[in-house]
PDB file of N, CA and C in Angstrom:
ATOM      1  N   UNK A   1     115.275 137.919 121.628  1.00  0.00           N
ATOM      2  CA  UNK A   1     114.328 138.374 120.659  1.00  0.00           C
ATOM      3  C   UNK A   1     112.940 138.267 121.277  1.00  0.00           C
ATOM      4  N   UNK A   2     112.258 139.371 121.322  1.00  0.00           N
ATOM      5  CA  UNK A   2     110.911 139.458 121.899  1.00  0.00           C
ATOM      6  C   UNK A   2     109.881 139.196 120.808  1.00  0.00           C
ATOM      7  N   UNK A   3     108.884 138.399 121.149  1.00  0.00           N
ATOM      8  CA  UNK A   3     107.780 138.154 120.233  1.00  0.00           C
ATOM      9  C   UNK A   3     106.547 138.867 120.756  1.00  0.00           C
ATOM     10  N   UNK A   4     105.753 139.323 119.821  1.00  0.00           N
ATOM     11  CA  UNK A   4     104.516 139.978 120.247  1.00  0.00           C
ATOM     12  C   UNK A   4     103.559 138.912 120.779  1.00  0.00           C
ATOM     13  N   UNK A   5     102.546 139.346 121.517  1.00  0.00           N
ATOM     14  CA  UNK A   5     101.564 138.420 122.098  1.00  0.00           C
ATOM     15  C   UNK A   5     100.856 137.629 120.980  1.00  0.00           C
ATOM     16  N   UNK A   6     100.569 138.315 119.922  1.00  0.00           N
ATOM     17  CA  UNK A   6      99.891 137.668 118.800  1.00  0.00           C
ATOM     18  C   UNK A   6     100.768 136.560 118.204  1.00  0.00           C
ATOM     19  N   UNK A   7     102.061 136.832 118.010  1.00  0.00           N
ATOM     20  CA  UNK A   7     102.988 135.843 117.455  1.00  0.00           C
ATOM     21  C   UNK A   7     103.163 134.674 118.433  1.00  0.00           C
ATOM     22  N   UNK A   8     103.197 134.975 119.718  1.00  0.00           N
ATOM     23  CA  UNK A   8     103.331 133.911 120.709  1.00  0.00           C
ATOM     24  C   UNK A   8     102.121 132.988 120.672  1.00  0.00           C
ATOM     25  N   UNK A   9     100.912 133.554 120.540  1.00  0.00           N
ATOM     26  CA  UNK A   9      99.696 132.739 120.462  1.00  0.00           C
ATOM     27  C   UNK A   9      99.718 131.876 119.193  1.00  0.00           C
ATOM     28  N   UNK A  10     100.119 132.476 118.067  1.00  0.00           N
ATOM     29  CA  UNK A  10     100.195 131.721 116.817  1.00  0.00           C
ATOM     30  C   UNK A  10     101.207 130.580 116.928  1.00  0.00           C
ATOM     31  N   UNK A  11     102.352 130.891 117.518  1.00  0.00           N
ATOM     32  CA  UNK A  11     103.404 129.884 117.692  1.00  0.00           C
ATOM     33  C   UNK A  11     102.920 128.765 118.615  1.00  0.00           C
ATOM     34  N   UNK A  12     102.242 129.112 119.693  1.00  0.00           N
ATOM     35  CA  UNK A  12     101.715 128.116 120.626  1.00  0.00           C
ATOM     36  C   UNK A  12     100.665 127.249 119.928  1.00  0.00           C
ATOM     37  N   UNK A  13      99.793 127.872 119.132  1.00  0.00           N
ATOM     38  CA  UNK A  13      98.756 127.136 118.412  1.00  0.00           C
ATOM     39  C   UNK A  13      99.393 126.177 117.401  1.00  0.00           C
ATOM     40  N   UNK A  14     100.410 126.643 116.666  1.00  0.00           N
ATOM     41  CA  UNK A  14     101.098 125.778 115.704  1.00  0.00           C
ATOM     42  C   UNK A  14     101.791 124.613 116.413  1.00  0.00           C
ATOM     43  N   UNK A  15     102.387 124.903 117.555  1.00  0.00           N
ATOM     44  CA  UNK A  15     103.050 123.856 118.324  1.00  0.00           C
ATOM     45  C   UNK A  15     102.043 122.805 118.788  1.00  0.00           C
ATOM     46  N   UNK A  16     100.888 123.250 119.258  1.00  0.00           N
ATOM     47  CA  UNK A  16      99.844 122.331 119.703  1.00  0.00           C
ATOM     48  C   UNK A  16      99.321 121.505 118.533  1.00  0.00           C
ATOM     49  N   UNK A  17      99.083 122.160 117.388  1.00  0.00           N
ATOM     50  CA  UNK A  17      98.618 121.440 116.205  1.00  0.00           C
ATOM     51  C   UNK A  17      99.638 120.405 115.746  1.00  0.00           C
ATOM     52  N   UNK A  18     100.912 120.759 115.761  1.00  0.00           N
ATOM     53  CA  UNK A  18     101.963 119.829 115.343  1.00  0.00           C
ATOM     54  C   UNK A  18     102.028 118.643 116.296  1.00  0.00           C
ATOM     55  N   UNK A  19     101.883 118.908 117.590  1.00  0.00           N
ATOM     56  CA  UNK A  19     101.904 117.832 118.572  1.00  0.00           C
ATOM     57  C   UNK A  19     100.721 116.890 118.370  1.00  0.00           C
ATOM     58  N   UNK A  20      99.526 117.458 118.150  1.00  0.00           N
ATOM     59  CA  UNK A  20      98.346 116.630 117.897  1.00  0.00           C
ATOM     60  C   UNK A  20      98.531 115.790 116.634  1.00  0.00           C
ATOM     61  N   UNK A  21      99.061 116.390 115.586  1.00  0.00           N
ATOM     62  CA  UNK A  21      99.291 115.669 114.337  1.00  0.00           C
ATOM     63  C   UNK A  21     100.286 114.529 114.553  1.00  0.00           C
ATOM     64  N   UNK A  22     101.336 114.802 115.323  1.00  0.00           N
ATOM     65  CA  UNK A  22     102.343 113.776 115.612  1.00  0.00           C
ATOM     66  C   UNK A  22     101.701 112.592 116.323  1.00  0.00           C
ATOM     67  N   UNK A  23     100.865 112.840 117.314  1.00  0.00           N
ATOM     68  CA  UNK A  23     100.207 111.761 118.051  1.00  0.00           C
ATOM     69  C   UNK A  23      99.242 110.980 117.153  1.00  0.00           C
ATOM     70  N   UNK A  24      98.519 111.670 116.287  1.00  0.00           N
ATOM     71  CA  UNK A  24      97.597 110.996 115.376  1.00  0.00           C
ATOM     72  C   UNK A  24      98.358 110.104 114.388  1.00  0.00           C
ATOM     73  N   UNK A  25      99.478 110.613 113.879  1.00  0.00           N
ATOM     74  CA  UNK A  25     100.275 109.820 112.941  1.00  0.00           C
ATOM     75  C   UNK A  25     100.859 108.589 113.631  1.00  0.00           C
ATOM     76  N   UNK A  26     101.312 108.770 114.862  1.00  0.00           N
ATOM     77  CA  UNK A  26     101.866 107.643 115.616  1.00  0.00           C
ATOM     78  C   UNK A  26     100.797 106.574 115.829  1.00  0.00           C
ATOM     79  N   UNK A  27      99.585 106.986 116.187  1.00  0.00           N
ATOM     80  CA  UNK A  27      98.485 106.033 116.352  1.00  0.00           C
ATOM     81  C   UNK A  27      98.149 105.348 115.028  1.00  0.00           C
ATOM     82  N   UNK A  28      98.133 106.132 113.948  1.00  0.00           N
ATOM     83  CA  UNK A  28      97.831 105.577 112.634  1.00  0.00           C
ATOM     84  C   UNK A  28      98.852 104.522 112.229  1.00  0.00           C
ATOM     85  N   UNK A  29     100.138 104.803 112.436  1.00  0.00           N
ATOM     86  CA  UNK A  29     101.170 103.839 112.074  1.00  0.00           C
ATOM     87  C   UNK A  29     101.095 102.603 112.960  1.00  0.00           C
ATOM     88  N   UNK A  30     100.724 102.778 114.226  1.00  0.00           N
ATOM     89  CA  UNK A  30     100.538 101.623 115.099  1.00  0.00           C
ATOM     90  C   UNK A  30      99.414 100.728 114.608  1.00  0.00           C
ATOM     91  N   UNK A  31      98.307 101.340 114.225  1.00  0.00           N
ATOM     92  CA  UNK A  31      97.180 100.566 113.692  1.00  0.00           C
ATOM     93  C   UNK A  31      97.542  99.904 112.364  1.00  0.00           C
ATOM     94  N   UNK A  32      98.289 100.606 111.530  1.00  0.00           N
ATOM     95  CA  UNK A  32      98.712 100.030 110.245  1.00  0.00           C
ATOM     96  C   UNK A  32      99.604  98.813 110.477  1.00  0.00           C
ATOM     97  N   UNK A  33     100.485  98.878 111.461  1.00  0.00           N
ATOM     98  CA  UNK A  33     101.332  97.728 111.778  1.00  0.00           C
ATOM     99  C   UNK A  33     100.520  96.541 112.243  1.00  0.00           C
ATOM    100  N   UNK A  34      99.518  96.805 113.085  1.00  0.00           N
ATOM    101  CA  UNK A  34      98.648  95.720 113.538  1.00  0.00           C
ATOM    102  C   UNK A  34      97.902  95.109 112.365  1.00  0.00           C
ATOM    103  N   UNK A  35      97.412  95.958 111.460  1.00  0.00           N
ATOM    104  CA  UNK A  35      96.697  95.481 110.285  1.00  0.00           C
ATOM    105  C   UNK A  35      97.599  94.618 109.399  1.00  0.00           C
ATOM    106  N   UNK A  36      98.849  95.045 109.212  1.00  0.00           N
ATOM    107  CA  UNK A  36      99.782  94.257 108.397  1.00  0.00           C
ATOM    108  C   UNK A  36     100.092  92.910 109.041  1.00  0.00           C
ATOM    109  N   UNK A  37     100.268  92.883 110.358  1.00  0.00           N
ATOM    110  CA  UNK A  37     100.518  91.614 111.040  1.00  0.00           C
ATOM    111  C   UNK A  37      99.332  90.666 110.869  1.00  0.00           C
ATOM    112  N   UNK A  38      98.130  91.185 111.034  1.00  0.00           N
ATOM    113  CA  UNK A  38      96.932  90.361 110.872  1.00  0.00           C
ATOM    114  C   UNK A  38      96.790  89.877 109.432  1.00  0.00           C
ATOM    115  N   UNK A  39      97.098  90.742 108.453  1.00  0.00           N
ATOM    116  CA  UNK A  39      97.036  90.334 107.046  1.00  0.00           C
ATOM    117  C   UNK A  39      98.064  89.236 106.768  1.00  0.00           C
ATOM    118  N   UNK A  40      99.228  89.334 107.352  1.00  0.00           N
ATOM    119  CA  UNK A  40     100.243  88.294 107.173  1.00  0.00           C
ATOM    120  C   UNK A  40      99.791  86.968 107.752  1.00  0.00           C
ATOM    121  N   UNK A  41      99.194  87.012 108.937  1.00  0.00           N
ATOM    122  CA  UNK A  41      98.678  85.784 109.544  1.00  0.00           C
ATOM    123  C   UNK A  41      97.578  85.175 108.666  1.00  0.00           C
ATOM    124  N   UNK A  42      96.680  86.022 108.174  1.00  0.00           N
ATOM    125  CA  UNK A  42      95.590  85.527 107.323  1.00  0.00           C
ATOM    126  C   UNK A  42      96.137  84.927 106.032  1.00  0.00           C
ATOM    127  N   UNK A  43      97.126  85.582 105.423  1.00  0.00           N
ATOM    128  CA  UNK A  43      97.721  85.057 104.189  1.00  0.00           C
ATOM    129  C   UNK A  43      98.395  83.712 104.451  1.00  0.00           C
ATOM    130  N   UNK A  44      99.070  83.582 105.582  1.00  0.00           N
ATOM    131  CA  UNK A  44      99.686  82.299 105.924  1.00  0.00           C
ATOM    132  C   UNK A  44      98.650  81.207 106.119  1.00  0.00           C
ATOM    133  N   UNK A  45      97.546  81.548 106.789  1.00  0.00           N
ATOM    134  CA  UNK A  45      96.482  80.569 107.009  1.00  0.00           C
ATOM    135  C   UNK A  45      95.855  80.136 105.685  1.00  0.00           C
ATOM    136  N   UNK A  46      95.573  81.093 104.814  1.00  0.00           N
ATOM    137  CA  UNK A  46      94.981  80.770 103.516  1.00  0.00           C
ATOM    138  C   UNK A  46      95.939  79.908 102.697  1.00  0.00           C
ATOM    139  N   UNK A  47      97.208  80.274 102.687  1.00  0.00           N
ATOM    140  CA  UNK A  47      98.189  79.486 101.943  1.00  0.00           C
ATOM    141  C   UNK A  47      98.298  78.072 102.472  1.00  0.00           C
ATOM    142  N   UNK A  48      98.330  77.931 103.790  1.00  0.00           N
ATOM    143  CA  UNK A  48      98.479  76.613 104.402  1.00  0.00           C
ATOM    144  C   UNK A  48      97.213  75.766 104.225  1.00  0.00           C
ATOM    145  N   UNK A  49      96.039  76.391 104.333  1.00  0.00           N
ATOM    146  CA  UNK A  49      94.789  75.633 104.302  1.00  0.00           C
ATOM    147  C   UNK A  49      94.239  75.412 102.894  1.00  0.00           C
ATOM    148  N   UNK A  50      94.469  76.342 101.972  1.00  0.00           N
ATOM    149  CA  UNK A  50      93.829  76.237 100.657  1.00  0.00           C
ATOM    150  C   UNK A  50      94.818  76.127  99.497  1.00  0.00           C
ATOM    151  N   UNK A  51      95.786  77.017  99.443  1.00  0.00           N
ATOM    152  CA  UNK A  51      96.670  77.073  98.273  1.00  0.00           C
ATOM    153  C   UNK A  51      97.609  75.876  98.228  1.00  0.00           C
ATOM    154  N   UNK A  52      98.259  75.569  99.352  1.00  0.00           N
ATOM    155  CA  UNK A  52      99.236  74.487  99.367  1.00  0.00           C
ATOM    156  C   UNK A  52      98.615  73.139  98.991  1.00  0.00           C
ATOM    157  N   UNK A  53      97.466  72.737  99.570  1.00  0.00           N
ATOM    158  CA  UNK A  53      96.893  71.443  99.169  1.00  0.00           C
ATOM    159  C   UNK A  53      96.505  71.388  97.690  1.00  0.00           C
ATOM    160  N   UNK A  54      95.925  72.465  97.165  1.00  0.00           N
ATOM    161  CA  UNK A  54      95.536  72.466  95.747  1.00  0.00           C
ATOM    162  C   UNK A  54      96.763  72.381  94.850  1.00  0.00           C
ATOM    163  N   UNK A  55      97.796  73.110  95.204  1.00  0.00           N
ATOM    164  CA  UNK A  55      99.025  73.088  94.410  1.00  0.00           C
ATOM    165  C   UNK A  55      99.665  71.714  94.451  1.00  0.00           C
ATOM    166  N   UNK A  56      99.716  71.125  95.639  1.00  0.00           N
ATOM    167  CA  UNK A  56     100.303  69.791  95.787  1.00  0.00           C
ATOM    168  C   UNK A  56      99.533  68.772  94.956  1.00  0.00           C
ATOM    169  N   UNK A  57      98.200  68.830  95.012  1.00  0.00           N
ATOM    170  CA  UNK A  57      97.388  67.895  94.230  1.00  0.00           C
ATOM    171  C   UNK A  57      97.604  68.089  92.737  1.00  0.00           C
ATOM    172  N   UNK A  58      97.660  69.351  92.295  1.00  0.00           N
ATOM    173  CA  UNK A  58      97.872  69.623  90.868  1.00  0.00           C
ATOM    174  C   UNK A  58      99.224  69.108  90.406  1.00  0.00           C
ATOM    175  N   UNK A  59     100.256  69.351  91.210  1.00  0.00           N
ATOM    176  CA  UNK A  59     101.592  68.883  90.826  1.00  0.00           C
ATOM    177  C   UNK A  59     101.666  67.368  90.815  1.00  0.00           C
ATOM    178  N   UNK A  60     101.070  66.734  91.810  1.00  0.00           N
ATOM    179  CA  UNK A  60     101.090  65.271  91.833  1.00  0.00           C
ATOM    180  C   UNK A  60     100.339  64.708  90.628  1.00  0.00           C
ATOM    181  N   UNK A  61      99.229  65.330  90.278  1.00  0.00           N
ATOM    182  CA  UNK A  61      98.447  64.875  89.124  1.00  0.00           C
ATOM    183  C   UNK A  61      99.232  65.072  87.821  1.00  0.00           C
ATOM    184  N   UNK A  62      99.943  66.188  87.721  1.00  0.00           N
ATOM    185  CA  UNK A  62     100.688  66.479  86.496  1.00  0.00           C
ATOM    186  C   UNK A  62     101.996  65.695  86.425  1.00  0.00           C
ATOM    187  N   UNK A  63     102.640  65.488  87.561  1.00  0.00           N
ATOM    188  CA  UNK A  63     103.951  64.843  87.553  1.00  0.00           C
ATOM    189  C   UNK A  63     103.883  63.325  87.624  1.00  0.00           C
ATOM    190  N   UNK A  64     102.802  62.784  88.095  1.00  0.00           N
ATOM    191  CA  UNK A  64     102.712  61.327  88.246  1.00  0.00           C
ATOM    192  C   UNK A  64     102.959  60.594  86.933  1.00  0.00           C
ATOM    193  N   UNK A  65     102.331  60.983  85.815  1.00  0.00           N
ATOM    194  CA  UNK A  65     102.613  60.275  84.554  1.00  0.00           C
ATOM    195  C   UNK A  65     104.077  60.400  84.126  1.00  0.00           C
ATOM    196  N   UNK A  66     104.647  61.582  84.287  1.00  0.00           N
ATOM    197  CA  UNK A  66     106.041  61.781  83.875  1.00  0.00           C
ATOM    198  C   UNK A  66     106.973  60.944  84.742  1.00  0.00           C
ATOM    199  N   UNK A  67     106.713  60.896  86.035  1.00  0.00           N
ATOM    200  CA  UNK A  67     107.573  60.102  86.919  1.00  0.00           C
ATOM    201  C   UNK A  67     107.455  58.617  86.624  1.00  0.00           C
ATOM    202  N   UNK A  68     106.266  58.145  86.296  1.00  0.00           N
ATOM    203  CA  UNK A  68     106.113  56.726  85.967  1.00  0.00           C
ATOM    204  C   UNK A  68     106.855  56.389  84.676  1.00  0.00           C
ATOM    205  N   UNK A  69     106.879  57.310  83.696  1.00  0.00           N
ATOM    206  CA  UNK A  69     107.630  57.075  82.460  1.00  0.00           C
ATOM    207  C   UNK A  69     109.121  57.010  82.738  1.00  0.00           C
ATOM    208  N   UNK A  70     109.589  57.874  83.631  1.00  0.00           N
ATOM    209  CA  UNK A  70     111.022  57.872  83.951  1.00  0.00           C
ATOM    210  C   UNK A  70     111.401  56.583  84.649  1.00  0.00           C
ATOM    211  N   UNK A  71     110.569  56.101  85.518  1.00  0.00           N
ATOM    212  CA  UNK A  71     110.874  54.859  86.240  1.00  0.00           C
ATOM    213  C   UNK A  71     110.883  53.661  85.298  1.00  0.00           C
ATOM    214  N   UNK A  72     110.039  53.701  84.255  1.00  0.00           N
ATOM    215  CA  UNK A  72     109.963  52.586  83.305  1.00  0.00           C
ATOM    216  C   UNK A  72     111.055  52.641  82.247  1.00  0.00           C
ATOM    217  N   UNK A  73     111.732  53.775  82.101  1.00  0.00           N
ATOM    218  CA  UNK A  73     112.757  53.913  81.064  1.00  0.00           C
ATOM    219  C   UNK A  73     113.933  52.986  81.365  1.00  0.00           C
ATOM    220  N   UNK A  74     114.501  52.354  80.344  1.00  0.00           N
ATOM    221  CA  UNK A  74     115.635  51.450  80.584  1.00  0.00           C
ATOM    222  C   UNK A  74     116.853  52.241  81.057  1.00  0.00           C
ATOM    223  N   UNK A  75     117.590  51.631  81.941  1.00  0.00           N
ATOM    224  CA  UNK A  75     118.790  52.267  82.471  1.00  0.00           C
ATOM    225  C   UNK A  75     119.908  52.165  81.447  1.00  0.00           C
ATOM    226  N   UNK A  76     120.568  53.269  81.202  1.00  0.00           N
ATOM    227  CA  UNK A  76     121.681  53.282  80.253  1.00  0.00           C
ATOM    228  C   UNK A  76     122.954  52.896  80.973  1.00  0.00           C
ATOM    229  N   UNK A  77     123.804  52.184  80.282  1.00  0.00           N
ATOM    230  CA  UNK A  77     125.091  51.845  80.879  1.00  0.00           C
ATOM    231  C   UNK A  77     126.009  53.054  80.764  1.00  0.00           C
ATOM    232  N   UNK A  78     126.866  53.181  81.730  1.00  0.00           N
ATOM    233  CA  UNK A  78     127.785  54.323  81.723  1.00  0.00           C
ATOM    234  C   UNK A  78     128.819  54.140  80.630  1.00  0.00           C
ATOM    235  N   UNK A  79     129.101  55.210  79.924  1.00  0.00           N
ATOM    236  CA  UNK A  79     130.089  55.130  78.857  1.00  0.00           C
ATOM    237  C   UNK A  79     131.487  55.199  79.457  1.00  0.00           C
ATOM    238  N   UNK A  80     132.389  54.516  78.793  1.00  0.00           N
ATOM    239  CA  UNK A  80     133.772  54.522  79.261  1.00  0.00           C
ATOM    240  C   UNK A  80     134.465  55.784  78.779  1.00  0.00           C
ATOM    241  N   UNK A  81     135.484  56.180  79.501  1.00  0.00           N
ATOM    242  CA  UNK A  81     136.225  57.381  79.158  1.00  0.00           C
ATOM    243  C   UNK A  81     137.106  57.080  77.957  1.00  0.00           C
ATOM    244  N   UNK A  82     136.930  57.877  76.920  1.00  0.00           N
ATOM    245  CA  UNK A  82     137.698  57.689  75.695  1.00  0.00           C
ATOM    246  C   UNK A  82     138.865  58.661  75.628  1.00  0.00           C
ATOM    247  N   UNK A  83     139.596  58.641  74.529  1.00  0.00           N
ATOM    248  CA  UNK A  83     140.766  59.512  74.396  1.00  0.00           C
ATOM    249  C   UNK A  83     140.379  61.004  74.331  1.00  0.00           C
ATOM    250  N   UNK A  84     139.171  61.309  73.861  1.00  0.00           N
ATOM    251  CA  UNK A  84     138.738  62.707  73.788  1.00  0.00           C
ATOM    252  C   UNK A  84     138.658  63.351  75.157  1.00  0.00           C
ATOM    253  N   UNK A  85     138.240  62.573  76.158  1.00  0.00           N
ATOM    254  CA  UNK A  85     138.144  63.114  77.510  1.00  0.00           C
ATOM    255  C   UNK A  85     139.536  63.474  78.038  1.00  0.00           C
ATOM    256  N   UNK A  86     140.514  62.631  77.753  1.00  0.00           N
ATOM    257  CA  UNK A  86     141.874  62.918  78.214  1.00  0.00           C
ATOM    258  C   UNK A  86     142.465  64.136  77.502  1.00  0.00           C
ATOM    259  N   UNK A  87     142.132  64.294  76.243  1.00  0.00           N
ATOM    260  CA  UNK A  87     142.611  65.463  75.495  1.00  0.00           C
ATOM    261  C   UNK A  87     142.007  66.735  76.076  1.00  0.00           C
ATOM    262  N   UNK A  88     140.703  66.706  76.377  1.00  0.00           N
ATOM    263  CA  UNK A  88     140.052  67.873  76.986  1.00  0.00           C
ATOM    264  C   UNK A  88     140.627  68.191  78.364  1.00  0.00           C
ATOM    265  N   UNK A  89     140.926  67.145  79.161  1.00  0.00           N
ATOM    266  CA  UNK A  89     141.539  67.390  80.479  1.00  0.00           C
ATOM    267  C   UNK A  89     142.913  68.020  80.331  1.00  0.00           C
ATOM    268  N   UNK A  90     143.692  67.603  79.338  1.00  0.00           N
ATOM    269  CA  UNK A  90     145.020  68.176  79.115  1.00  0.00           C
ATOM    270  C   UNK A  90     144.908  69.639  78.695  1.00  0.00           C
ATOM    271  N   UNK A  91     143.944  69.944  77.828  1.00  0.00           N
ATOM    272  CA  UNK A  91     143.746  71.332  77.395  1.00  0.00           C
ATOM    273  C   UNK A  91     143.318  72.189  78.590  1.00  0.00           C
ATOM    274  N   UNK A  92     142.438  71.663  79.422  1.00  0.00           N
ATOM    275  CA  UNK A  92     142.012  72.396  80.615  1.00  0.00           C
ATOM    276  C   UNK A  92     143.159  72.651  81.572  1.00  0.00           C
ATOM    277  N   UNK A  93     144.010  71.652  81.785  1.00  0.00           N
ATOM    278  CA  UNK A  93     145.155  71.823  82.678  1.00  0.00           C
ATOM    279  C   UNK A  93     146.120  72.863  82.113  1.00  0.00           C
ATOM    280  N   UNK A  94     146.342  72.847  80.799  1.00  0.00           N
ATOM    281  CA  UNK A  94     147.233  73.833  80.183  1.00  0.00           C
ATOM    282  C   UNK A  94     146.651  75.237  80.316  1.00  0.00           C
ATOM    283  N   UNK A  95     145.340  75.362  80.162  1.00  0.00           N
ATOM    284  CA  UNK A  95     144.692  76.671  80.302  1.00  0.00           C
ATOM    285  C   UNK A  95     144.849  77.207  81.712  1.00  0.00           C
ATOM    286  N   UNK A  96     144.653  76.340  82.698  1.00  0.00           N
ATOM    287  CA  UNK A  96     144.813  76.759  84.095  1.00  0.00           C
ATOM    288  C   UNK A  96     146.254  77.179  84.354  1.00  0.00           C
ATOM    289  N   UNK A  97     147.217  76.459  83.788  1.00  0.00           N
ATOM    290  CA  UNK A  97     148.626  76.809  83.979  1.00  0.00           C
ATOM    291  C   UNK A  97     148.950  78.170  83.360  1.00  0.00           C
ATOM    292  N   UNK A  98     148.433  78.433  82.165  1.00  0.00           N
ATOM    293  CA  UNK A  98     148.694  79.712  81.500  1.00  0.00           C
ATOM    294  C   UNK A  98     148.075  80.858  82.290  1.00  0.00           C
ATOM    295  N   UNK A  99     146.859  80.685  82.758  1.00  0.00           N
ATOM    296  CA  UNK A  99     146.205  81.736  83.549  1.00  0.00           C
ATOM    297  C   UNK A  99     146.942  81.956  84.858  1.00  0.00           C
ATOM    298  N   UNK A 100     147.375  80.874  85.491  1.00  0.00           N
ATOM    299  CA  UNK A 100     148.151  80.998  86.732  1.00  0.00           C
ATOM    300  C   UNK A 100     149.446  81.763  86.511  1.00  0.00           C
ATOM    301  N   UNK A 101     150.156  81.480  85.412  1.00  0.00           N
ATOM    302  CA  UNK A 101     151.391  82.192  85.115  1.00  0.00           C
ATOM    303  C   UNK A 101     151.123  83.675  84.847  1.00  0.00           C
ATOM    304  N   UNK A 102     150.034  83.965  84.142  1.00  0.00           N
ATOM    305  CA  UNK A 102     149.700  85.370  83.859  1.00  0.00           C
ATOM    306  C   UNK A 102     149.407  86.124  85.142  1.00  0.00           C
ATOM    307  N   UNK A 103     148.685  85.497  86.055  1.00  0.00           N
ATOM    308  CA  UNK A 103     148.392  86.140  87.338  1.00  0.00           C
ATOM    309  C   UNK A 103     149.675  86.328  88.134  1.00  0.00           C
ATOM    310  N   UNK A 104     150.536  85.306  88.168  1.00  0.00           N
ATOM    311  CA  UNK A 104     151.778  85.398  88.923  1.00  0.00           C
ATOM    312  C   UNK A 104     152.681  86.497  88.358  1.00  0.00           C
ATOM    313  N   UNK A 105     152.788  86.572  87.032  1.00  0.00           N
ATOM    314  CA  UNK A 105     153.661  87.586  86.440  1.00  0.00           C
ATOM    315  C   UNK A 105     153.092  88.986  86.627  1.00  0.00           C
ATOM    316  N   UNK A 106     151.792  89.104  86.743  1.00  0.00           N
ATOM    317  CA  UNK A 106     151.188  90.411  86.972  1.00  0.00           C
ATOM    318  C   UNK A 106     151.408  90.875  88.405  1.00  0.00           C
ATOM    319  N   UNK A 107     151.330  89.961  89.341  1.00  0.00           N
ATOM    320  CA  UNK A 107     151.387  90.341  90.757  1.00  0.00           C
ATOM    321  C   UNK A 107     152.788  90.332  91.357  1.00  0.00           C
ATOM    322  N   UNK A 108     153.770  89.757  90.690  1.00  0.00           N
ATOM    323  CA  UNK A 108     155.111  89.711  91.266  1.00  0.00           C
ATOM    324  C   UNK A 108     155.726  91.108  91.259  1.00  0.00           C
ATOM    325  N   UNK A 109     156.687  91.289  92.113  1.00  0.00           N
ATOM    326  CA  UNK A 109     157.334  92.609  92.161  1.00  0.00           C
ATOM    327  C   UNK A 109     158.728  92.481  91.549  1.00  0.00           C
ATOM    328  N   UNK A 110     158.941  93.204  90.500  1.00  0.00           N
ATOM    329  CA  UNK A 110     160.243  93.227  89.849  1.00  0.00           C
ATOM    330  C   UNK A 110     160.914  94.545  90.165  1.00  0.00           C
ATOM    331  N   UNK A 111     162.068  94.441  90.758  1.00  0.00           N
ATOM    332  CA  UNK A 111     162.818  95.649  91.073  1.00  0.00           C
ATOM    333  C   UNK A 111     163.460  96.230  89.814  1.00  0.00           C
ATOM    334  N   UNK A 112     163.681  95.406  88.798  1.00  0.00           N
ATOM    335  CA  UNK A 112     164.343  95.872  87.585  1.00  0.00           C
ATOM    336  C   UNK A 112     163.437  96.750  86.729  1.00  0.00           C
ATOM    337  N   UNK A 113     162.156  96.746  86.987  1.00  0.00           N
ATOM    338  CA  UNK A 113     161.241  97.516  86.167  1.00  0.00           C
ATOM    339  C   UNK A 113     161.316  99.008  86.454  1.00  0.00           C
ATOM    340  N   UNK A 114     161.778  99.375  87.633  1.00  0.00           N
ATOM    341  CA  UNK A 114     161.818 100.782  88.029  1.00  0.00           C
ATOM    342  C   UNK A 114     163.167 101.388  87.652  1.00  0.00           C
ATOM    343  N   UNK A 115     163.122 102.481  86.952  1.00  0.00           N
ATOM    344  CA  UNK A 115     164.347 103.165  86.556  1.00  0.00           C
ATOM    345  C   UNK A 115     164.412 104.453  87.349  1.00  0.00           C
ATOM    346  N   UNK A 116     165.477 104.564  88.119  1.00  0.00           N
ATOM    347  CA  UNK A 116     165.609 105.771  88.933  1.00  0.00           C
ATOM    348  C   UNK A 116     166.305 106.850  88.116  1.00  0.00           C
ATOM    349  N   UNK A 117     165.848 108.076  88.304  1.00  0.00           N
ATOM    350  CA  UNK A 117     166.509 109.196  87.618  1.00  0.00           C
ATOM    351  C   UNK A 117     167.590 109.728  88.532  1.00  0.00           C
ATOM    352  N   UNK A 118     168.678 110.110  87.897  1.00  0.00           N
ATOM    353  CA  UNK A 118     169.801 110.631  88.686  1.00  0.00           C
ATOM    354  C   UNK A 118     169.694 112.135  88.730  1.00  0.00           C
ATOM    355  N   UNK A 119     169.837 112.688  89.923  1.00  0.00           N
ATOM    356  CA  UNK A 119     169.837 114.130  90.086  1.00  0.00           C
ATOM    357  C   UNK A 119     171.260 114.634  89.873  1.00  0.00           C
ATOM    358  N   UNK A 120     171.398 115.690  89.100  1.00  0.00           N
ATOM    359  CA  UNK A 120     172.727 116.222  88.840  1.00  0.00           C
ATOM    360  C   UNK A 120     172.993 117.459  89.611  1.00  0.00           C
TER     361      UNK A 120
END
């Protein structure tokens, strides 16, 4: 397919413009990446130098009274296991057994379930 001189010039100009645009975009994305890396470093520095100490101080100030109350609270003795706990354990074991049986009966292969048709 032959192109006229005018079409060839237009095509060459478009190709050159596209190439220039590609190079500009590549440079722009490179600069954007550098900017993002620098912003990340700056955010880390600000967090480490300013935000973290203020947050730590605020939490220590707010939690110190609560922690001192917890330390002063009398220790409770552990309750002994009563008959209700054994009843709940038995119900839980029975539930696990029923679910296990349901899964086993669902996944087992029974040859008796298939009925073959006889061809006459």
